Amino acid sequence: MLQWTKNNDALGAVNRGVPCESGLCTLCDSACKGKCETWLSCLEGRKMLYPRRFGYSTSGGNHSTALGAGYQSLRVQGYAYGSKGVAPGLTDNPDDCIFPNVKVEGEFGNETKTKYRVPMMTGALGSTFIAARYWPSFAVGAALAGFPIVIGENVVGVDKQSDLKNGKIINAPELDKRIEYFRRYYDGYGAIIIQMNVEDTRNGVAEYLIEKYGNDVIIELKWGQGAKDIGGEIQVKSIEYAQFLKDRGYVVDPDPYSPIVIKGYENRAITSFARHSRLGSTDQHSVEEVRQGFMNSVAYLRKIGFKRITLKTGAYGMENLAMAIRYSSDANLDLLTIDGAGGGTGMSPWNMMQHWGVPSLALHAKAYEYCKILEQQGKKVPDISFAGGFAREDHIFKALSLGAPYSKLVCLGRAPMIAGFLGSNIEGVFNPERRAELNGHWEKLPTTVSEYGKYPEEIFSEWESVKNKVGKDEMKNIPFGAIALCGYADKLACGLQQFMAGARKFDVSELTRADLISANRETENITKIPFMTDALNDSAMKILKA
């Protein structure tokens, strides 16, 4: 079994136990004092692209990428000549072909385009309490950095302050708050995307959104995620809250109204309740029935006024993948997010995360194949976002190249959340009277942070950039977690620029599958990306035999 190293001495990064393929710890704790690569990137930004102790050390790559079939076994193909996608006004002169001139901005969508500064988006941050606690950091950071953020399912349904009339939402303060945090700093880049599941549809979330926000928001239908093949869930400790959720129509386990459960709760034998969503499309038993139901849903959303509609699907098998791609094409959707197995931002069942579904590389390789088939038939291929275990700039390069030209974005689930945790902990140290409100865990700065400085201006690499953007007076309203997220996004953008410059691609739209090579035959077989010594070998023979 492929195992990942715990420490990266070159970067000074450390994980607890064996990390995930993304480089994140298996369990990412909001109180963590460091220091995985993503955690450090939130402070140091683009400096984390380079080995530490410059001038006093040398370093060399130590990780074998030839083991197993995963994104780690795709390598970036570099070129010694040429340039593509040089920006208008620039030339192919070496003075212009420098990595800071690589364009990583882009857009997705059909009639209404959505622009982004960095080709990334968040995973769905929904009714989990960790999403609610750190939302200001996530939303403000995404708006400032200029990439889409997704409000996940069930936010309205679990909000005790929300009001329903005749089963339809008429007041949704938590949802409104989340939208407004993003809108306050939105400058034309990025977007706020709101998911809908079975319960959200019943509660009239779409109608509420279009009436109050119009097309300032994007609506997303949901078929599942890479973490699990059942509906989303949260855990609550109060039996009164559990009963409220059951009254709202959710599946709550164990039943908070059962006399036996109530007695167990009183005896402290039962200390928590799991709230689950329902499975979708259980009344549809054929491919055609699913298609008709899906097309009807999209038609209804367009009828009430939505111009931008997306779909999120999970790590299902090939039939469901083909359905998601084809139906998104038929419905002219703006984006399809395809999430590989293994991830999760909530409290997904552990062994389900471990054992269900198709892992990311295989799923995404097949998605490209199916998109190509549609294109060959003359059909419009939907813009694609790949998700499932991504956290670094090399992940973004590989995912975009593997799915090119259809892939426009890469969806990062857990990684951007680390910025919110870290920033809130630091902000709580400097504002102890607000520590509880900020959900900060620290009373003083740990040495992993204080080594970068004593004050926020020293600690965060992007402090001055954010201040320049919002103004000195507005900085008091910017969560430290948002500044940390800007540092992380800056590191990803700069790292992506460097990879692209090495591949001689100066616009993200120029990336192709030819920018990748497979490090082993198994990965070649899955992806159809040539083995590293086979790629361009025909061209090599022509040179040698000329």
Protein backbone atom coordinates (compact mmCIF):
# COMPACT_ATOMS: atom_id res chain seq x y z
CA MET A 1 0.00 0.00 0.00
CA LEU A 2 1.29 3.46 -0.91
CA GLN A 3 2.18 5.48 2.19
CA TRP A 4 2.90 9.20 2.33
CA THR A 5 5.74 10.68 4.35
CA LYS A 6 4.83 12.53 7.53
CA ASN A 7 7.49 15.24 7.31
CA ASN A 8 8.75 17.48 4.53
CA ASP A 9 12.06 18.72 5.85
CA ALA A 10 12.73 20.90 2.82
CA LEU A 11 9.62 23.01 3.46
CA GLY A 12 9.54 22.51 7.22
CA ALA A 13 6.07 21.00 6.95
CA VAL A 14 4.80 18.34 9.36
CA ASN A 15 1.66 16.18 9.46
CA ARG A 16 0.10 14.13 12.21
CA GLY A 17 0.48 10.51 11.19
CA VAL A 18 0.28 9.54 7.53
CA PRO A 19 -1.20 12.41 5.48
CA CYS A 20 -3.74 12.18 2.68
CA GLU A 21 -2.69 12.37 -0.96
CA SER A 22 -3.55 16.08 -0.77
CA GLY A 23 -0.86 16.61 1.86
CA LEU A 24 -3.47 17.41 4.51
CA CYS A 25 -3.71 15.42 7.71
CA THR A 26 -6.41 12.76 7.69
CA LEU A 27 -8.10 14.67 10.53
CA CYS A 28 -7.78 18.44 10.20
CA ASP A 29 -8.46 20.02 13.59
CA SER A 30 -9.49 23.68 13.83
CA ALA A 31 -7.28 24.13 16.92
CA CYS A 32 -4.16 22.82 15.15
CA LYS A 33 -0.93 24.70 15.89
CA GLY A 34 0.67 23.55 12.65
CA LYS A 35 2.19 22.78 10.45
CA CYS A 36 1.26 21.07 7.18
CA GLU A 37 2.18 22.72 3.89
CA THR A 38 -1.25 24.29 3.46
CA TRP A 39 -1.21 25.64 7.05
CA LEU A 40 2.17 27.26 6.46
CA SER A 41 1.08 28.64 3.08
CA CYS A 42 -1.68 30.64 4.77
CA LEU A 43 1.04 32.59 6.61
CA GLU A 44 3.93 32.63 4.17
CA GLY A 45 2.09 32.70 0.86
CA ARG A 46 4.31 32.20 -2.18
CA LYS A 47 7.45 31.88 -0.05
CA MET A 48 6.25 28.34 0.71
CA LEU A 49 7.05 27.40 -2.88
CA TYR A 50 10.73 27.20 -1.96
CA PRO A 51 12.85 25.14 0.46
CA ARG A 52 13.69 26.81 3.76
CA ARG A 53 17.05 28.14 4.98
CA PHE A 54 18.02 29.53 1.60
CA GLY A 55 21.75 30.19 1.41
CA TYR A 56 22.52 27.67 4.13
CA SER A 57 21.15 24.47 2.65
CA THR A 58 20.64 22.45 -0.50
CA SER A 59 17.64 20.27 -1.22
CA GLY A 60 16.52 17.54 -3.60
CA GLY A 61 13.25 15.84 -4.47
CA ASN A 62 12.69 12.78 -2.29
CA HIS A 63 9.24 11.47 -3.19
CA SER A 64 8.81 8.61 -5.63
CA THR A 65 5.88 9.36 -7.90
CA ALA A 66 6.11 6.04 -9.71
CA LEU A 67 4.08 4.12 -7.12
CA GLY A 68 0.36 3.51 -7.36
CA ALA A 69 -2.28 5.03 -9.59
CA GLY A 70 -3.25 8.52 -8.49
CA TYR A 71 -2.58 12.14 -9.26
CA GLN A 72 0.83 11.68 -7.61
CA SER A 73 1.77 9.42 -10.56
CA LEU A 74 1.13 12.10 -13.15
CA ARG A 75 4.16 14.27 -13.80
CA VAL A 76 4.38 17.66 -15.48
CA GLN A 77 5.97 17.65 -18.95
CA GLY A 78 8.44 20.49 -19.43
CA TYR A 79 9.69 21.88 -22.72
CA ALA A 80 12.98 23.49 -23.68
CA TYR A 81 11.64 25.78 -26.39
CA GLY A 82 8.61 27.71 -27.57
CA SER A 83 5.75 29.65 -25.98
CA LYS A 84 1.97 29.63 -26.30
CA GLY A 85 -0.67 32.01 -25.07
CA VAL A 86 1.53 35.06 -24.60
CA ALA A 87 -0.71 37.98 -23.64
CA PRO A 88 -1.59 40.67 -26.21
CA GLY A 89 0.96 43.46 -26.11
CA LEU A 90 3.73 41.06 -25.14
CA THR A 91 6.08 39.11 -27.40
CA ASP A 92 7.82 35.74 -27.29
CA ASN A 93 10.99 37.53 -26.24
CA PRO A 94 12.49 36.07 -23.02
CA ASP A 95 11.94 39.42 -21.33
CA ASP A 96 8.17 38.93 -21.74
CA CYS A 97 8.02 35.16 -21.30
CA ILE A 98 8.47 35.18 -17.53
CA PHE A 99 6.28 33.34 -15.08
CA PRO A 100 4.72 36.48 -13.51
CA ASN A 101 3.22 37.16 -16.95
CA VAL A 102 1.40 33.81 -17.03
CA LYS A 103 -2.36 34.41 -17.01
CA VAL A 104 -4.23 32.18 -14.58
CA GLU A 105 -7.48 34.16 -14.73
CA GLY A 106 -10.39 32.61 -16.58
CA GLU A 107 -14.14 32.22 -16.80
CA PHE A 108 -16.83 29.57 -17.01
CA GLY A 109 -20.45 29.46 -18.07
CA ASN A 110 -22.66 29.97 -21.08
CA GLU A 111 -24.65 33.14 -21.77
CA THR A 112 -23.59 34.70 -18.46
CA LYS A 113 -19.88 34.26 -17.84
CA THR A 114 -18.42 33.98 -14.35
CA LYS A 115 -14.85 35.27 -14.03
CA TYR A 116 -12.20 34.16 -11.55
CA ARG A 117 -8.66 35.31 -10.73
CA VAL A 118 -7.44 31.87 -9.73
CA PRO A 119 -8.83 28.65 -11.32
CA MET A 120 -10.12 27.26 -8.04
CA MET A 121 -13.36 27.10 -6.08
CA THR A 122 -14.32 25.86 -2.66
CA GLY A 123 -16.15 22.66 -1.93
CA ALA A 124 -19.66 22.92 -0.54
CA LEU A 125 -19.66 24.50 2.92
CA GLY A 126 -23.16 23.82 4.15
CA SER A 127 -24.94 23.03 7.37
CA THR A 128 -21.88 21.68 9.19
CA PHE A 129 -21.19 23.86 12.21
CA ILE A 130 -17.56 24.28 11.26
CA ALA A 131 -18.69 26.00 8.06
CA ALA A 132 -20.96 28.35 10.03
CA ARG A 133 -18.29 29.16 12.62
CA TYR A 134 -15.64 30.19 10.13
CA TRP A 135 -17.82 31.44 7.30
CA PRO A 136 -16.72 35.11 7.50
CA SER A 137 -13.12 34.05 6.80
CA PHE A 138 -14.11 31.74 3.96
CA ALA A 139 -16.48 34.16 2.22
CA VAL A 140 -14.48 37.36 2.61
CA GLY A 141 -11.27 35.57 1.60
CA ALA A 142 -12.90 34.10 -1.51
CA ALA A 143 -14.30 37.49 -2.52
CA LEU A 144 -10.96 39.25 -2.02
CA ALA A 145 -8.98 36.55 -3.82
CA GLY A 146 -11.60 36.32 -6.57
CA PHE A 147 -12.76 32.70 -6.75
CA PRO A 148 -16.19 31.02 -6.34
CA ILE A 149 -17.38 29.80 -2.95
CA VAL A 150 -20.19 27.28 -2.50
CA ILE A 151 -22.86 27.38 0.21
CA GLY A 152 -23.76 23.76 0.69
CA GLU A 153 -27.06 22.05 1.31
CA ASN A 154 -29.41 22.39 4.30
CA VAL A 155 -28.28 25.80 5.58
CA VAL A 156 -31.87 27.02 5.69
CA GLY A 157 -33.32 23.85 7.14
CA VAL A 158 -31.02 23.67 10.18
CA ASP A 159 -31.26 27.39 10.99
CA LYS A 160 -33.40 27.72 14.13
CA GLN A 161 -33.98 31.39 13.32
CA SER A 162 -35.38 30.71 9.85
CA ASP A 163 -39.12 30.91 9.27
CA LEU A 164 -41.29 28.74 7.05
CA LYS A 165 -44.84 29.55 5.99
CA ASN A 166 -46.91 26.78 4.43
CA GLY A 167 -43.71 24.76 4.21
CA LYS A 168 -41.79 27.45 2.28
CA ILE A 169 -39.01 29.63 3.58
CA ILE A 170 -39.84 33.30 4.14
CA ASN A 171 -36.91 34.29 6.35
CA ALA A 172 -33.41 32.77 6.26
CA PRO A 173 -30.99 34.82 8.38
CA GLU A 174 -28.07 32.35 8.27
CA LEU A 175 -28.26 32.03 4.48
CA ASP A 176 -28.60 35.80 4.10
CA LYS A 177 -25.61 36.40 6.35
CA ARG A 178 -23.44 34.03 4.33
CA ILE A 179 -24.37 35.67 1.04
CA GLU A 180 -23.81 39.17 2.34
CA TYR A 181 -20.31 38.44 3.66
CA PHE A 182 -19.27 37.58 0.11
CA ARG A 183 -21.20 40.37 -1.61
CA ARG A 184 -19.62 43.05 0.55
CA TYR A 185 -16.20 42.49 -1.02
CA TYR A 186 -17.18 41.04 -4.40
CA ASP A 187 -15.56 43.01 -7.24
CA GLY A 188 -16.62 41.07 -10.32
CA TYR A 189 -14.44 37.99 -9.82
CA GLY A 190 -15.68 34.78 -8.23
CA ALA A 191 -19.26 33.95 -7.36
CA ILE A 192 -21.53 32.70 -4.61
CA ILE A 193 -23.06 29.31 -5.48
CA ILE A 194 -25.93 27.86 -3.42
CA GLN A 195 -26.65 24.13 -3.44
CA MET A 196 -30.07 22.54 -3.26
CA ASN A 197 -30.92 19.03 -2.13
CA VAL A 198 -34.28 17.33 -1.56
CA GLU A 199 -35.09 19.24 1.62
CA ASP A 200 -33.95 22.57 0.20
CA THR A 201 -36.19 22.06 -2.81
CA ARG A 202 -39.17 21.29 -0.57
CA ASN A 203 -38.43 24.32 1.59
CA GLY A 204 -38.52 26.68 -1.39
CA VAL A 205 -34.89 27.81 -1.23
CA ALA A 206 -34.72 28.49 -4.98
CA GLU A 207 -37.79 30.71 -4.91
CA TYR A 208 -36.45 32.60 -1.89
CA LEU A 209 -33.10 33.20 -3.57
CA ILE A 210 -34.39 34.39 -6.93
CA GLU A 211 -36.86 36.77 -5.30
CA LYS A 212 -34.31 38.29 -2.92
CA TYR A 213 -31.03 38.12 -4.86
CA GLY A 214 -31.95 37.53 -8.48
CA ASN A 215 -29.00 36.47 -10.58
CA ASP A 216 -26.39 37.77 -8.18
CA VAL A 217 -26.20 34.13 -7.08
CA ILE A 218 -25.75 30.79 -8.88
CA ILE A 219 -28.02 27.85 -8.06
CA GLU A 220 -26.56 24.34 -7.92
CA LEU A 221 -28.38 21.05 -8.16
CA LYS A 222 -26.76 18.21 -6.26
CA TRP A 223 -26.43 14.53 -7.07
CA GLY A 224 -23.89 13.69 -4.41
CA GLN A 225 -20.30 14.12 -3.32
CA GLY A 226 -17.06 12.21 -3.12
CA ALA A 227 -17.35 11.62 0.63
CA LYS A 228 -20.44 9.42 0.67
CA ASP A 229 -23.31 8.01 -1.36
CA ILE A 230 -26.02 9.04 1.12
CA GLY A 231 -27.29 12.53 1.92
CA GLY A 232 -25.39 15.07 3.96
CA GLU A 233 -25.36 14.90 7.73
CA ILE A 234 -24.50 16.85 10.84
CA GLN A 235 -24.31 15.94 14.50
CA VAL A 236 -26.16 17.80 17.26
CA LYS A 237 -25.90 17.35 21.02
CA SER A 238 -29.19 18.88 22.15
CA ILE A 239 -32.30 16.69 22.08
CA GLU A 240 -34.42 19.82 21.67
CA TYR A 241 -32.46 20.76 18.54
CA ALA A 242 -32.72 17.17 17.30
CA GLN A 243 -36.50 17.32 17.71
CA PHE A 244 -36.56 20.67 15.88
CA LEU A 245 -34.72 19.08 12.96
CA LYS A 246 -37.06 16.11 12.90
CA ASP A 247 -39.99 18.52 12.86
CA ARG A 248 -38.35 20.26 9.90
CA GLY A 249 -38.62 16.97 8.01
CA TYR A 250 -35.11 15.57 8.38
CA VAL A 251 -34.08 12.02 9.18
CA VAL A 252 -32.67 12.12 12.74
CA ASP A 253 -30.88 9.13 14.23
CA PRO A 254 -31.62 7.97 16.87
CA ASP A 255 -35.23 9.14 16.95
CA PRO A 256 -35.31 12.04 19.43
CA TYR A 257 -39.02 11.43 20.11
CA SER A 258 -38.58 7.78 21.07
CA PRO A 259 -39.27 7.30 24.84
CA ILE A 260 -36.33 4.88 25.03
CA VAL A 261 -34.00 7.41 23.37
CA ILE A 262 -35.25 10.22 25.60
CA LYS A 263 -34.51 8.11 28.67
CA GLY A 264 -31.08 7.23 27.31
CA TYR A 265 -30.40 10.92 26.74
CA GLU A 266 -31.44 11.75 30.30
CA ASN A 267 -29.04 9.06 31.55
CA ARG A 268 -26.25 10.49 29.35
CA ALA A 269 -25.94 7.17 27.53
CA ILE A 270 -26.98 9.01 24.36
CA THR A 271 -25.10 12.26 23.89
CA SER A 272 -25.62 13.19 20.25
CA PHE A 273 -27.94 12.83 17.28
CA ALA A 274 -27.12 12.58 13.57
CA ARG A 275 -29.27 14.57 11.14
CA HIS A 276 -29.36 13.09 7.64
CA SER A 277 -30.70 14.29 4.31
CA ARG A 278 -32.76 12.17 1.98
CA LEU A 279 -31.59 10.35 -1.10
CA GLY A 280 -32.66 11.99 -4.33
CA SER A 281 -34.44 10.40 -7.30
CA THR A 282 -35.65 7.32 -5.41
CA ASP A 283 -38.89 7.45 -7.40
CA GLN A 284 -37.02 7.28 -10.72
CA HIS A 285 -36.11 3.78 -11.88
CA SER A 286 -34.67 4.24 -15.36
CA VAL A 287 -32.17 6.42 -17.14
CA GLU A 288 -34.96 8.13 -19.05
CA GLU A 289 -36.93 8.87 -15.88
CA VAL A 290 -33.85 10.46 -14.31
CA ARG A 291 -33.23 12.51 -17.42
CA GLN A 292 -36.80 13.76 -17.55
CA GLY A 293 -36.83 14.64 -13.87
CA PHE A 294 -33.54 16.48 -14.17
CA MET A 295 -34.59 18.43 -17.25
CA ASN A 296 -37.86 19.37 -15.55
CA SER A 297 -35.93 20.69 -12.53
CA VAL A 298 -33.65 22.80 -14.70
CA ALA A 299 -36.58 24.08 -16.76
CA TYR A 300 -38.36 25.16 -13.57
CA LEU A 301 -35.30 27.01 -12.28
CA ARG A 302 -34.99 28.84 -15.59
CA LYS A 303 -38.70 29.63 -15.56
CA ILE A 304 -38.49 31.39 -12.20
CA GLY A 305 -35.50 33.40 -13.42
CA PHE A 306 -32.13 31.71 -12.81
CA LYS A 307 -29.63 32.37 -15.59
CA ARG A 308 -26.71 30.42 -14.08
CA ILE A 309 -27.30 26.81 -13.01
CA THR A 310 -24.69 24.20 -12.11
CA LEU A 311 -24.60 20.54 -11.06
CA LYS A 312 -22.46 18.76 -8.45
CA THR A 313 -22.07 15.00 -8.74
CA GLY A 314 -20.12 12.49 -6.69
CA ALA A 315 -17.95 9.43 -7.15
CA TYR A 316 -20.64 7.25 -8.72
CA GLY A 317 -19.98 4.68 -11.43
CA MET A 318 -19.69 5.21 -15.16
CA GLU A 319 -23.41 5.21 -15.97
CA ASN A 320 -24.09 8.02 -13.52
CA LEU A 321 -21.01 9.92 -14.70
CA ALA A 322 -22.20 9.73 -18.30
CA MET A 323 -25.66 10.88 -17.23
CA ALA A 324 -24.24 13.89 -15.38
CA ILE A 325 -22.14 14.96 -18.36
CA ARG A 326 -24.77 14.35 -21.02
CA TYR A 327 -27.66 15.91 -19.09
CA SER A 328 -25.54 18.93 -18.18
CA SER A 329 -24.87 19.32 -21.89
CA ASP A 330 -28.52 18.88 -22.85
CA ALA A 331 -29.64 21.37 -20.18
CA ASN A 332 -26.93 23.87 -21.16
CA LEU A 333 -25.64 24.11 -17.59
CA ASP A 334 -22.87 26.53 -16.69
CA LEU A 335 -20.66 24.14 -14.73
CA LEU A 336 -20.45 20.48 -13.71
CA THR A 337 -18.37 19.61 -10.64
CA ILE A 338 -17.20 15.98 -10.53
CA ASP A 339 -16.01 14.88 -7.09
CA GLY A 340 -13.77 11.84 -6.69
CA ALA A 341 -13.97 9.48 -3.72
CA GLY A 342 -12.28 10.09 -0.42
CA GLY A 343 -13.01 13.65 0.60
CA GLY A 344 -15.38 15.34 2.99
CA THR A 345 -15.77 18.57 4.94
CA GLY A 346 -18.43 17.39 7.36
CA MET A 347 -18.98 14.26 9.45
CA SER A 348 -19.24 11.67 6.70
CA PRO A 349 -19.13 8.04 7.90
CA TRP A 350 -15.44 7.14 8.06
CA ASN A 351 -15.53 3.72 6.42
CA MET A 352 -17.83 5.06 3.73
CA MET A 353 -15.21 7.68 2.87
CA GLN A 354 -12.62 4.91 2.79
CA HIS A 355 -14.46 2.39 0.65
CA TRP A 356 -17.22 3.82 -1.51
CA GLY A 357 -16.99 5.19 -5.01
CA VAL A 358 -14.43 5.83 -7.74
CA PRO A 359 -11.18 7.58 -6.76
CA SER A 360 -10.43 10.91 -8.35
CA LEU A 361 -7.88 10.03 -11.03
CA ALA A 362 -9.91 7.20 -12.57
CA LEU A 363 -13.14 9.19 -12.39
CA HIS A 364 -11.65 12.32 -13.92
CA ALA A 365 -9.87 10.40 -16.68
CA LYS A 366 -13.18 8.80 -17.65
CA ALA A 367 -14.92 12.18 -17.50
CA TYR A 368 -12.49 13.51 -20.11
CA GLU A 369 -13.17 10.49 -22.31
CA TYR A 370 -16.94 11.02 -22.11
CA CYS A 371 -16.64 14.75 -22.77
CA LYS A 372 -14.59 13.97 -25.87
CA ILE A 373 -17.28 11.62 -27.14
CA LEU A 374 -19.91 14.36 -26.78
CA GLU A 375 -17.72 16.84 -28.61
CA GLN A 376 -17.17 14.39 -31.48
CA GLN A 377 -20.95 14.15 -31.81
CA GLY A 378 -21.16 17.91 -32.20
CA LYS A 379 -22.68 18.51 -28.77
CA LYS A 380 -21.64 21.31 -26.45
CA VAL A 381 -19.56 20.00 -23.58
CA PRO A 382 -20.28 21.58 -20.20
CA ASP A 383 -17.51 23.42 -18.40
CA ILE A 384 -16.02 21.06 -15.82
CA SER A 385 -14.60 21.43 -12.32
CA PHE A 386 -12.71 18.47 -10.86
CA ALA A 387 -12.77 17.82 -7.10
CA GLY A 388 -11.37 15.20 -4.77
CA GLY A 389 -8.19 15.50 -2.69
CA PHE A 390 -6.63 18.67 -4.09
CA ALA A 391 -4.61 21.19 -2.09
CA ARG A 392 -1.47 22.27 -4.00
CA GLU A 393 -0.55 24.11 -7.18
CA ASP A 394 0.70 20.91 -8.84
CA HIS A 395 -2.73 19.37 -8.19
CA ILE A 396 -4.40 22.29 -9.95
CA PHE A 397 -2.05 22.04 -12.93
CA LYS A 398 -2.57 18.30 -13.27
CA ALA A 399 -6.37 18.38 -12.92
CA LEU A 400 -6.76 21.23 -15.41
CA SER A 401 -4.43 19.53 -17.90
CA LEU A 402 -6.01 16.08 -17.51
CA GLY A 403 -9.44 17.45 -18.32
CA ALA A 404 -8.39 20.08 -20.88
CA PRO A 405 -9.97 21.78 -22.71
CA TYR A 406 -13.17 21.08 -20.76
CA SER A 407 -11.85 21.59 -17.22
CA LYS A 408 -12.01 25.24 -16.15
CA LEU A 409 -11.67 25.05 -12.38
CA VAL A 410 -10.39 22.81 -9.62
CA CYS A 411 -12.54 22.40 -6.52
CA LEU A 412 -10.69 22.39 -3.18
CA GLY A 413 -12.66 21.10 -0.21
CA ARG A 414 -10.80 20.91 3.09
CA ALA A 415 -7.64 22.85 2.20
CA PRO A 416 -9.06 26.41 2.05
CA MET A 417 -10.82 25.84 5.37
CA ILE A 418 -7.44 25.65 7.12
CA ALA A 419 -6.98 29.38 6.47
CA GLY A 420 -10.16 30.12 8.41
CA PHE A 421 -9.08 28.00 11.36
CA LEU A 422 -5.57 29.44 11.52
CA GLY A 423 -6.59 33.06 11.03
CA SER A 424 -9.33 32.87 13.65
CA ASN A 425 -6.95 31.35 16.18
CA ILE A 426 -4.43 34.16 15.62
CA GLU A 427 -7.12 36.85 15.69
CA GLY A 428 -8.42 35.47 18.98
CA VAL A 429 -4.99 35.95 20.55
CA PHE A 430 -4.92 39.63 19.60
CA ASN A 431 -8.59 40.12 20.54
CA PRO A 432 -9.15 37.97 23.65
CA GLU A 433 -12.47 39.67 24.43
CA ARG A 434 -13.78 38.33 21.07
CA ARG A 435 -12.08 34.93 21.17
CA ALA A 436 -15.30 32.97 21.69
CA GLU A 437 -17.08 34.92 18.96
CA LEU A 438 -14.17 34.28 16.60
CA ASN A 439 -14.05 30.58 17.53
CA GLY A 440 -10.39 31.00 18.39
CA HIS A 441 -8.71 28.25 20.40
CA TRP A 442 -5.41 29.85 21.43
CA GLU A 443 -4.55 32.08 24.37
CA LYS A 444 -1.11 32.90 23.01
CA LEU A 445 0.73 32.45 19.73
CA PRO A 446 2.46 29.08 19.39
CA THR A 447 6.09 29.11 18.33
CA THR A 448 5.03 27.83 14.90
CA VAL A 449 3.39 31.25 14.38
CA SER A 450 5.52 33.58 16.51
CA GLU A 451 8.60 32.65 14.51
CA TYR A 452 7.09 34.74 11.71
CA GLY A 453 6.50 37.80 13.89
CA LYS A 454 4.80 39.33 16.90
CA TYR A 455 2.11 41.31 15.09
CA PRO A 456 -0.43 40.50 12.35
CA GLU A 457 1.38 42.75 9.88
CA GLU A 458 4.48 40.58 10.27
CA ILE A 459 2.73 37.23 10.45
CA PHE A 460 0.59 37.39 7.30
CA SER A 461 2.38 37.72 3.98
CA GLU A 462 -0.72 39.16 2.32
CA TRP A 463 -1.56 41.76 4.99
CA GLU A 464 -0.38 44.74 2.94
CA SER A 465 -1.94 43.43 -0.26
CA VAL A 466 -5.33 43.11 1.40
CA LYS A 467 -4.97 46.55 3.03
CA ASN A 468 -4.12 48.05 -0.33
CA LYS A 469 -7.25 46.47 -1.79
CA VAL A 470 -9.79 47.40 0.89
CA GLY A 471 -8.19 50.47 2.45
CA LYS A 472 -6.63 51.07 5.85
CA ASP A 473 -9.92 51.90 7.59
CA GLU A 474 -11.67 48.76 6.30
CA MET A 475 -8.97 46.41 7.60
CA LYS A 476 -10.66 46.36 10.99
CA ASN A 477 -13.56 44.48 9.37
CA ILE A 478 -11.45 41.88 7.55
CA PRO A 479 -11.21 38.53 9.36
CA PHE A 480 -7.64 37.31 9.80
CA GLY A 481 -8.79 34.03 8.28
CA ALA A 482 -9.66 35.88 5.08
CA ILE A 483 -6.14 37.34 4.95
CA ALA A 484 -4.74 33.85 5.50
CA LEU A 485 -6.91 32.54 2.65
CA CYS A 486 -5.55 35.27 0.37
CA GLY A 487 -2.03 34.12 1.27
CA TYR A 488 -2.90 30.55 0.40
CA ALA A 489 -4.53 31.55 -2.89
CA ASP A 490 -1.50 33.69 -3.78
CA LYS A 491 0.82 30.73 -3.21
CA LEU A 492 -1.35 28.50 -5.41
CA ALA A 493 -1.56 31.11 -8.18
CA CYS A 494 2.18 31.79 -8.18
CA GLY A 495 3.04 28.08 -8.08
CA LEU A 496 0.66 27.43 -10.95
CA GLN A 497 2.30 30.23 -12.95
CA GLN A 498 5.70 28.61 -12.44
CA PHE A 499 4.52 25.18 -13.58
CA MET A 500 2.83 26.71 -16.61
CA ALA A 501 5.87 28.75 -17.58
CA GLY A 502 7.95 25.56 -17.52
CA ALA A 503 5.41 23.97 -19.84
CA ARG A 504 5.68 27.10 -22.04
CA LYS A 505 1.99 27.91 -21.54
CA PHE A 506 1.32 31.56 -20.72
CA ASP A 507 -2.47 31.36 -20.49
CA VAL A 508 -4.38 28.79 -18.46
CA SER A 509 -6.61 28.13 -21.47
CA GLU A 510 -3.56 26.73 -23.34
CA LEU A 511 -3.07 23.75 -21.00
CA THR A 512 -3.50 20.35 -22.66
CA ARG A 513 -3.06 16.68 -21.79
CA ALA A 514 0.29 16.84 -23.60
CA ASP A 515 1.55 18.78 -20.58
CA LEU A 516 1.40 15.57 -18.53
CA ILE A 517 3.25 12.25 -18.56
CA SER A 518 2.52 9.06 -16.62
CA ALA A 519 5.11 7.82 -14.13
CA ASN A 520 3.96 4.19 -14.35
CA ARG A 521 2.11 1.90 -16.72
CA GLU A 522 -0.92 1.56 -14.47
CA THR A 523 -1.49 5.32 -14.54
CA GLU A 524 -0.94 5.31 -18.31
CA ASN A 525 -3.58 2.61 -18.69
CA ILE A 526 -6.13 4.53 -16.60
CA THR A 527 -5.56 8.00 -18.02
CA LYS A 528 -4.26 7.29 -21.55
CA ILE A 529 -1.52 9.79 -20.76
CA PRO A 530 1.67 8.33 -22.31
CA PHE A 531 4.32 6.75 -20.11
CA MET A 532 7.12 9.25 -19.53
CA THR A 533 9.69 7.66 -21.86
CA ASP A 534 7.09 7.01 -24.56
CA ALA A 535 5.81 10.60 -24.70
CA LEU A 536 7.33 12.39 -27.73
CA ASN A 537 9.56 9.39 -28.41
CA ASP A 538 8.54 9.43 -32.09
CA SER A 539 9.76 13.00 -32.36
CA ALA A 540 12.97 12.01 -30.60
CA MET A 541 13.60 9.24 -33.15
CA LYS A 542 13.16 11.67 -36.04
CA ILE A 543 15.77 13.96 -34.51
CA LEU A 544 18.22 11.13 -33.97
CA LYS A 545 17.75 9.64 -37.43
CA ALA A 546 17.66 12.87 -39.41
